[in-house]
Amino acid sequence: MIKKIKGKYVVLSESTGRSFGSYKTLAEAKKRLRQVEFFKYAAKHPNIRRRPRKK
């Protein structure tokens, strides 16, 4: 979830309230929230690769 606190956009965990960073713009906060959601999904689905493996 994203909340505006003291003029900054803060990305917070809905369940724990943990902060994932504060950002100047809403666009930056949305980008970070998408990253957090991706890693939550990837942790539950181990066959998803984050990046191609280097040889």
Protein backbone atom coordinates (compact mmCIF):
# COMPACT_ATOMS: atom_id res chain seq x y z
CA MET A 1 0.00 0.00 0.00
CA ILE A 2 1.13 3.56 -0.61
CA LYS A 3 0.51 6.37 1.86
CA LYS A 4 1.44 10.02 1.68
CA ILE A 5 3.33 10.95 4.86
CA LYS A 6 4.97 14.34 5.38
CA GLY A 7 4.93 15.16 1.67
CA LYS A 8 6.50 11.86 0.57
CA TYR A 9 4.96 8.68 -0.78
CA VAL A 10 5.76 5.72 1.47
CA VAL A 11 5.40 2.08 0.41
CA LEU A 12 4.16 0.03 3.37
CA SER A 13 3.40 -3.63 3.97
CA GLU A 14 -0.34 -4.14 4.42
CA SER A 15 0.11 -6.91 6.98
CA THR A 16 3.05 -5.71 9.10
CA GLY A 17 3.24 -1.99 8.39
CA ARG A 18 6.91 -2.36 7.46
CA SER A 19 8.26 0.43 5.25
CA PHE A 20 9.77 -0.41 1.87
CA GLY A 21 11.01 3.11 1.24
CA SER A 22 9.82 6.66 0.76
CA TYR A 23 9.75 8.43 -2.60
CA LYS A 24 9.27 11.95 -3.93
CA THR A 25 6.75 10.97 -6.62
CA LEU A 26 3.80 8.63 -6.78
CA ALA A 27 5.25 7.03 -9.93
CA GLU A 28 8.43 6.03 -8.06
CA ALA A 29 6.38 4.58 -5.21
CA LYS A 30 4.21 2.58 -7.62
CA LYS A 31 7.33 1.20 -9.31
CA ARG A 32 8.70 0.01 -5.95
CA LEU A 33 5.34 -1.50 -4.98
CA ARG A 34 5.38 -3.50 -8.23
CA GLN A 35 8.88 -4.77 -7.37
CA VAL A 36 7.74 -5.88 -3.91
CA GLU A 37 4.68 -7.64 -5.35
CA PHE A 38 6.83 -9.41 -7.96
CA PHE A 39 9.24 -10.77 -5.35
CA LYS A 40 6.34 -11.95 -3.17
CA TYR A 41 4.93 -13.82 -6.19
CA ALA A 42 8.33 -15.20 -7.22
CA ALA A 43 8.94 -16.56 -3.71
CA LYS A 44 5.75 -18.63 -3.97
CA HIS A 45 6.50 -19.84 -7.51
CA PRO A 46 10.07 -21.16 -7.64
CA ASN A 47 10.00 -21.91 -11.38
CA ILE A 48 9.92 -18.18 -12.19
CA ARG A 49 13.38 -16.88 -12.97
CA ARG A 50 14.15 -13.32 -12.07
CA ARG A 51 16.84 -12.95 -14.75
CA PRO A 52 18.45 -15.31 -17.22
CA ARG A 53 21.32 -17.21 -15.66
CA LYS A 54 24.82 -16.32 -16.80
CA LYS A 55 27.09 -19.15 -17.90
